[in-house]
Every structure is written in structure tokens, then in C-alpha cells.
Protein backbone atom coordinates (compact mmCIF):
# COMPACT_ATOMS: atom_id res chain seq x y z
CA MET A 1 -10.49 69.56 -2.62
CA GLU A 2 -11.45 66.92 -0.88
CA THR A 3 -9.39 63.71 -0.87
CA GLN A 4 -11.40 60.36 -1.39
CA GLN A 5 -11.00 58.27 1.73
CA PRO A 6 -10.68 54.34 0.97
CA GLU A 7 -13.98 52.54 1.16
CA PRO A 8 -14.31 51.21 4.66
CA CYS A 9 -14.71 47.06 4.88
CA ILE A 10 -18.41 47.13 5.86
CA ASN A 11 -19.24 48.41 2.25
CA ARG A 12 -17.10 45.45 0.98
CA GLN A 13 -18.24 42.73 2.72
CA ARG A 14 -17.62 39.91 0.21
CA ALA A 15 -14.19 41.25 -0.67
CA CYS A 16 -12.58 41.45 2.86
CA LYS A 17 -14.49 37.96 3.87
CA ARG A 18 -12.35 36.37 1.10
CA ILE A 19 -8.96 38.19 2.12
CA SER A 20 -9.90 37.27 5.42
CA LEU A 21 -10.78 33.52 4.99
CA ALA A 22 -7.21 33.15 2.71
CA THR A 23 -5.57 35.11 5.76
CA SER A 24 -6.61 32.65 8.05
CA PHE A 25 -6.01 29.36 5.95
CA ILE A 26 -2.62 30.90 5.19
CA LEU A 27 -1.92 31.26 9.10
CA PHE A 28 -3.51 27.90 9.72
CA LEU A 29 -1.09 25.92 7.68
CA LEU A 30 1.99 27.88 8.49
CA PRO A 31 2.84 25.74 11.84
CA VAL A 32 2.60 22.52 9.57
CA ILE A 33 4.84 23.87 6.80
CA VAL A 34 7.58 24.97 9.12
CA VAL A 35 7.95 22.10 10.69
CA ALA A 36 7.33 19.34 7.75
CA ASP A 37 10.54 16.98 7.26
CA VAL A 38 12.06 18.63 10.48
CA CYS A 39 13.04 16.32 13.55
CA SER A 40 13.37 18.83 16.55
CA TYR A 41 14.34 15.98 19.03
CA GLU A 42 15.84 12.61 18.04
CA LYS A 43 16.64 9.36 19.61
CA GLU A 44 18.56 6.16 18.24
CA VAL A 45 17.13 2.70 19.43
CA SER A 46 19.24 -0.64 18.67
CA TYR A 47 18.90 -4.37 20.14
CA SER A 48 18.96 -7.63 19.09
CA LEU A 49 16.55 -10.98 20.06
CA SER A 50 17.40 -14.61 19.81
CA SER A 51 15.15 -16.24 16.86
CA SER A 52 15.72 -19.66 18.46
CA ASP A 53 12.41 -21.60 18.39
CA LEU A 54 10.78 -18.73 16.90
CA GLU A 55 7.86 -19.12 14.19
CA GLN A 56 6.72 -15.58 13.42
CA LEU A 57 7.90 -12.31 13.98
CA SER A 58 4.96 -9.90 14.57
CA ILE A 59 5.31 -6.04 14.28
CA ILE A 60 2.68 -3.43 14.81
CA ALA A 61 4.04 0.07 13.89
CA LYS A 62 2.59 3.54 14.05
CA ALA A 63 3.71 6.40 12.20
CA GLY A 64 6.88 6.08 10.63
CA SER A 65 8.59 4.12 7.67
CA LEU A 66 9.31 0.38 8.32
CA SER A 67 12.02 -1.52 6.51
CA VAL A 68 12.13 -5.72 6.92
CA HIS A 69 14.85 -7.43 5.68
CA GLY A 70 15.56 -11.09 5.61
CA ALA A 71 19.14 -11.45 6.33
CA GLU A 72 21.10 -14.86 4.81
CA THR A 73 23.57 -15.04 7.35
CA GLY A 74 22.93 -14.58 11.16
CA SER A 75 20.08 -15.95 13.58
CA ASP A 76 19.16 -12.97 15.44
CA ILE A 77 16.62 -10.51 15.23
CA VAL A 78 17.94 -6.80 15.15
CA ILE A 79 15.76 -3.92 15.68
CA GLU A 80 17.28 -0.36 14.77
CA ALA A 81 15.11 2.78 14.87
CA THR A 82 15.20 6.27 14.94
CA LEU A 83 12.94 7.97 17.36
CA CYS A 84 11.48 11.59 16.35
CA SER A 85 9.21 14.12 18.09
CA SER A 86 8.61 17.71 18.02
CA ARG A 87 8.96 17.91 21.80
CA LYS A 88 11.66 16.23 24.27
CA SER A 89 9.63 15.32 27.07
CA GLU A 90 7.09 13.22 24.46
CA LEU A 91 10.47 11.86 23.37
CA GLU A 92 10.93 10.19 26.65
CA GLY A 93 7.67 8.33 26.27
CA MET A 94 8.52 6.46 22.76
CA GLU A 95 10.28 3.28 22.26
CA VAL A 96 10.04 -0.23 20.20
CA SER A 97 9.08 -2.60 23.05
CA HIS A 98 9.16 -6.47 22.58
CA ASN A 99 7.12 -9.51 24.11
CA ARG A 100 7.71 -13.08 22.92
CA ARG A 101 4.70 -15.57 23.85
CA GLY A 102 5.67 -19.30 22.82
CA ASP A 103 6.81 -19.15 19.20
CA VAL A 104 5.75 -15.70 18.40
CA GLU A 105 7.63 -12.28 18.85
CA THR A 106 5.88 -9.12 19.14
CA LEU A 107 7.38 -5.52 18.51
CA GLU A 108 5.66 -2.73 18.85
CA THR A 109 6.24 1.12 18.10
CA VAL A 110 5.05 3.58 21.21
CA ILE A 111 4.23 6.51 20.51
CA PRO A 112 2.07 8.91 22.89
CA ASP A 113 -1.12 10.22 21.70
CA PHE A 114 -1.31 13.69 21.68
CA HIS A 115 -2.79 16.81 19.36
CA GLY A 116 -1.51 19.89 17.69
CA SER A 117 -3.20 23.58 17.85
CA LEU A 118 -3.50 26.05 15.71
CA TRP A 119 -0.57 27.67 16.59
CA ILE A 120 1.88 24.84 17.41
CA SER A 121 2.60 21.71 15.20
CA ARG A 122 3.26 18.65 17.11
CA TYR A 123 4.49 15.37 15.79
CA ALA A 124 6.05 11.92 17.01
CA TYR A 125 7.35 9.02 14.23
CA ILE A 126 9.41 6.04 14.94
CA ASP A 127 11.51 5.34 11.57
CA LEU A 128 11.88 0.86 12.48
CA GLU A 129 14.24 -1.14 10.22
CA VAL A 130 14.07 -4.96 11.27
CA SER A 131 16.73 -7.54 10.06
CA ILE A 132 15.53 -11.36 10.47
CA PRO A 133 16.71 -14.69 9.55
CA ALA A 134 15.61 -14.97 5.97
CA GLY A 135 12.51 -17.27 5.63
CA LEU A 136 11.01 -16.10 9.17
CA ALA A 137 7.23 -15.82 8.71
CA VAL A 138 6.32 -11.86 9.66
CA THR A 139 2.89 -10.64 9.98
CA ILE A 140 3.05 -6.32 9.55
CA LYS A 141 0.01 -3.88 10.98
CA ASP A 142 0.77 -0.40 10.03
CA GLY A 143 -0.51 3.08 10.29
CA SER A 144 1.01 5.07 8.02
CA GLY A 145 4.55 5.79 6.24
CA ALA A 146 6.33 3.97 3.58
CA MET A 147 7.13 -0.15 4.00
CA HIS A 148 9.45 -2.40 2.26
CA VAL A 149 10.10 -5.76 3.16
CA SER A 150 12.21 -8.79 1.56
CA GLY A 151 13.52 -12.29 2.15
CA THR A 152 10.65 -13.67 4.65
CA GLY A 153 8.64 -16.58 4.75
CA ASP A 154 4.57 -16.29 4.72
CA LEU A 155 3.84 -12.48 5.31
CA ARG A 156 0.44 -10.76 6.07
CA ILE A 157 0.23 -7.17 5.83
CA GLU A 158 -2.37 -4.84 7.19
CA ASP A 159 -2.17 -1.16 6.14
CA GLY A 160 -3.38 2.03 6.43
CA SER A 161 -1.53 4.47 4.34
CA GLY A 162 1.76 4.72 2.50
CA GLU A 163 3.53 2.66 -0.27
CA ILE A 164 4.11 -0.88 0.12
CA SER A 165 6.95 -2.73 -1.66
CA VAL A 166 7.34 -6.54 -1.47
CA ARG A 167 10.11 -8.59 -2.79
CA SER A 168 11.12 -12.17 -2.58
CA VAL A 169 8.63 -13.95 -0.28
CA ALA A 170 9.15 -17.79 0.12
CA GLY A 171 5.42 -18.59 0.80
CA ASN A 172 2.27 -16.62 0.59
CA LEU A 173 1.37 -12.75 0.89
CA THR A 174 -1.67 -11.42 2.10
CA ILE A 175 -2.41 -7.51 1.81
CA ARG A 176 -4.87 -5.58 3.28
CA ASP A 177 -4.20 -1.91 2.40
CA GLY A 178 -6.31 1.21 2.82
CA SER A 179 -4.46 3.49 0.29
CA GLY A 180 -1.19 3.92 -1.57
CA GLU A 181 1.09 2.02 -4.27
CA ILE A 182 1.60 -1.62 -4.02
CA ASN A 183 4.82 -3.28 -5.58
CA VAL A 184 4.98 -7.09 -5.35
CA GLU A 185 7.64 -9.22 -6.99
CA GLU A 186 9.15 -12.66 -6.59
CA VAL A 187 6.28 -14.83 -4.29
CA ASP A 188 7.05 -18.45 -4.24
CA GLY A 189 3.12 -19.13 -3.06
CA ASN A 190 -0.07 -17.14 -3.26
CA VAL A 191 -0.86 -13.65 -3.44
CA LYS A 192 -3.88 -12.15 -1.68
CA ILE A 193 -4.73 -8.29 -2.27
CA ASN A 194 -7.48 -6.00 -0.69
CA ASP A 195 -7.06 -2.69 -1.85
CA GLY A 196 -8.94 0.53 -1.28
CA SER A 197 -6.89 2.58 -3.61
CA GLY A 198 -3.49 3.30 -5.23
CA GLU A 199 -1.71 1.83 -8.17
CA MET A 200 -0.50 -1.73 -7.92
CA ASP A 201 2.17 -3.84 -9.54
CA VAL A 202 2.36 -7.70 -9.31
CA SER A 203 5.05 -9.76 -10.74
CA ASP A 204 6.95 -13.28 -10.75
CA VAL A 205 4.28 -15.08 -9.06
CA ILE A 206 4.50 -18.96 -8.71
CA GLY A 207 1.15 -19.60 -6.79
CA ASN A 208 -2.31 -17.91 -7.56
CA VAL A 209 -3.33 -13.71 -7.29
CA ASP A 210 -6.59 -12.77 -6.18
CA ILE A 211 -7.08 -9.23 -6.08
CA THR A 212 -10.22 -6.98 -5.16
CA ASP A 213 -9.49 -3.50 -5.40
CA GLY A 214 -11.41 -0.11 -5.35
CA SER A 215 -9.44 2.06 -7.66
CA GLY A 216 -6.20 2.77 -9.27
CA HIS A 217 -4.35 1.06 -12.25
CA MET A 218 -2.84 -2.62 -11.92
CA ARG A 219 -0.58 -4.20 -13.76
CA ILE A 220 0.21 -8.13 -13.21
CA THR A 221 2.64 -10.27 -15.06
CA GLN A 222 4.49 -13.49 -14.97
CA VAL A 223 2.20 -15.93 -12.55
CA GLY A 224 2.53 -19.60 -12.64
CA GLY A 225 -1.08 -20.25 -11.41
CA THR A 226 -4.77 -18.12 -11.83
CA VAL A 227 -5.18 -14.68 -11.96
CA SER A 228 -8.90 -13.64 -10.42
CA ILE A 229 -9.71 -10.20 -10.37
CA SER A 230 -12.69 -7.45 -8.76
CA ASP A 231 -12.35 -3.68 -9.72
CA GLY A 232 -13.83 -0.61 -9.16
CA SER A 233 -12.25 1.70 -11.35
CA GLY A 234 -8.85 2.07 -12.99
CA GLY A 235 -6.96 0.03 -16.02
CA ILE A 236 -5.88 -3.44 -15.71
CA ASP A 237 -3.13 -4.78 -17.43
CA VAL A 238 -2.30 -8.82 -17.16
CA ARG A 239 0.68 -10.30 -18.77
CA ASP A 240 2.06 -14.13 -19.21
CA VAL A 241 -0.39 -15.96 -16.91
CA GLU A 242 0.13 -19.57 -17.20
CA GLN A 243 -3.35 -20.81 -16.04
CA LYS A 244 -6.91 -19.03 -16.13
CA VAL A 245 -7.67 -15.37 -15.84
CA VAL A 246 -10.98 -14.30 -14.26
CA ILE A 247 -12.14 -10.88 -13.84
CA ARG A 248 -15.18 -11.64 -11.28
CA GLU A 249 -16.56 -7.41 -11.82
CA ASP A 250 -15.08 -4.50 -13.67
CA GLY A 251 -16.37 -0.84 -13.43
CA SER A 252 -14.63 1.59 -15.24
CA GLY A 253 -11.05 1.77 -17.09
CA SER A 254 -9.46 -0.57 -19.81
CA ILE A 255 -8.63 -4.06 -19.56
CA ASP A 256 -5.76 -5.37 -21.70
CA LEU A 257 -5.09 -9.23 -21.54
CA ARG A 258 -2.19 -10.83 -23.09
CA ARG A 259 -0.60 -14.25 -23.21
CA VAL A 260 -3.05 -16.63 -21.16
CA ASN A 261 -1.99 -20.18 -21.50
CA SER A 262 -5.90 -21.30 -20.12
CA SER A 263 -8.77 -19.90 -20.49
CA VAL A 264 -10.39 -16.01 -19.88
CA ASP A 265 -13.61 -16.03 -18.54
CA ILE A 266 -15.39 -12.24 -17.66
CA GLY A 267 -18.39 -12.04 -15.23
CA SER A 268 -18.89 -8.25 -15.77
CA ASP A 269 -17.61 -5.51 -17.59
CA ASP A 270 -18.16 -1.99 -18.13
CA SER A 271 -15.01 -0.75 -18.79
CA SER A 272 -14.12 1.80 -21.84
CA SER A 273 -12.55 -0.97 -23.84
CA LEU A 274 -11.48 -4.57 -23.57
CA ALA A 275 -8.57 -5.94 -25.52
CA VAL A 276 -7.54 -9.93 -25.00
CA ASP A 277 -4.71 -11.48 -27.35
CA LYS A 278 -3.26 -14.64 -27.19
CA VAL A 279 -5.62 -16.85 -25.23
CA ARG A 280 -4.61 -20.58 -25.42
CA GLY A 281 -8.55 -21.72 -24.08
CA ASN A 282 -12.09 -20.54 -24.08
CA PHE A 283 -12.51 -16.69 -24.01
CA THR A 284 -16.06 -15.54 -22.53
CA ILE A 285 -17.96 -12.38 -21.41
CA ARG A 286 -21.12 -12.84 -19.33
CA HIS A 287 -22.33 -9.13 -19.25
CA LYS A 288 -20.70 -6.45 -21.30
CA GLY A 289 -21.58 -2.68 -20.84
CA SER A 290 -20.19 0.37 -23.51
CA GLY A 291 -16.61 0.21 -24.92
CA GLU A 292 -15.02 -1.86 -27.54
CA THR A 293 -14.20 -5.32 -27.54
CA ASP A 294 -11.00 -6.62 -29.29
CA TYR A 295 -9.83 -10.31 -29.30
CA ARG A 296 -7.68 -11.86 -31.30
CA ASN A 297 -5.65 -15.39 -31.50
CA ALA A 298 -8.33 -17.04 -29.16
CA GLU A 299 -7.60 -20.88 -29.55
CA GLY A 300 -10.36 -22.06 -27.51
CA ASP A 301 -14.45 -21.45 -27.78
CA ILE A 302 -15.57 -18.05 -27.90
CA PHE A 303 -18.80 -16.41 -25.93
CA LEU A 304 -19.96 -13.08 -26.30
CA PRO A 305 -23.01 -11.47 -25.03
């Protein structure tokens, strides 16, 4: 009796192609998986700089985490960094440089440019921790990685991606962010945020809050000034605002506004639902798309389209 031979691959082109593509994809990812969260070569860097007559610290950071903390005691800027690379030779070219011009000190993480290959994954990053005198003005330009900042004066952040956490700012805060979660609390001045995507939580702001957002849920609470919002998509929750709330435009996602001690003015809203409760001033909607509108306890005049 003749034994049946397996069907050659040429007659099973679709199945073979799927297997080949899947295998190639797994092999392509393998080096990345193996080296994830691993530091093959590491170096610690630590030094301090005088902050005498300094008005501002500028930080330029590439890949890696960043932590900036305002210290109540001490007058120096203290830098501590962990340099990590997949190759020892590349580690030697990494550093945290510093340069002072007038009353501005600049810190910059230096990481060589290189690219991985199909079989060899290459990586390099610098985790940077900076301690500063409390209340010093800071500007940050960051590539990627988590960022935690507290105890500064005026603060400006330009970030590519990664979580941003900001607390206790004795001045104004400006954030321009590509993607990643943003958490802000305890700001003595105004807050201005331009965000691409990611959830956002802003609370305990003495001044005004102005947000332009692409997508992601936002929650804003306890604001002493005015809240102004332009939003693409994602829910909007606003609570406990001393002055007016202005929603210039909203694409999609629910809106929930509660306890506003002045007026509420909504320019254009295409959200799925709108709920407003306890408004001391006028309540105005200039354009409303589909979705329910529920308003209660509005003490001023009401203007609906």
C-alpha cells in the first residue's frame, strides 16, 4: 500500500505564507523582548552646581526617566544620573553635560545616535534626578520616559511621550505634550496645556486653566480662576470653579460641569451628553449637536440654541 506523502508547500501557498510571516514576525521581536528592562552596562554620575545668582534651570533630556525636586534646604543643584547602554563602548560616550550662560544653567543628557538591527537590539538611556532650591524657575525639553516634577517656580515643559506628573508649582505652568498621561496639582499661578493624547487630571490651581486637547478624558477640579477648554474627543469633567467655564469647542465625549461660581459658556458641542449642575451665573450653549442636555440649578439666564 502506498504511503501518502505530505502535501508540498508549493500546493499550500496561503498556509505556508501565513506560517512564514508569523515566524519572521516572532524572530523580529525576539531581540527586543530579550533585552527589555535590562541594563547590560551601567554607570553612575553624581555632581553638584552652585545656584548663586541663578534665575533659571534648563533641562534637555533624551530617553530615560526624569525627576526634578525642589528642596527646602540647601542652595546647590544636585545631579544624580544612571547611564545605561547595551554596549560598553557606547556607554563611554554618554554623559550629563552642564553649561552656564548668565543667569541660566543648562543640563543636557548626551546619548550617541545609533540604530539596532534585525538580530541585535541596541539601546541607551539616562535616568536623571535633579534636586534644586525650592522655587527655582525650570524649563524642560524631554524626549521620552516618565517625568516627575515638584517644588519649582515657573515651569515650562515640552515633552514627546511618557507620563508627566507635576506638583507644587510656585508660579505659572505651561505644558506642551505629544502623548501620555498628565497629572497636575497645587499650582499657585496659571496652567496652560496643549496635549495630543492621553488622560489628564488637573487640581488645586489658584489661577486660570487653559487646555487644548486632542483626545483622552480630562478631569479639572478646584480652580480659583477661569477654565477654558478646546477638546477633540474624550470626556470632560469640571468641578468647583470660582470663575467662569468656557468650552470653546468639543468634538465627542460627555461633558459634566458642576459647582461653577460664575457663568458657563459652551461655543460648540458635538458631545454625546451634556450635564450642568449648580451654576451661579448665566448658562449659554451656542451650538449643540446630538446628545442629551441636562441642566439644573442655573441661577442666571439660560440661552440654548
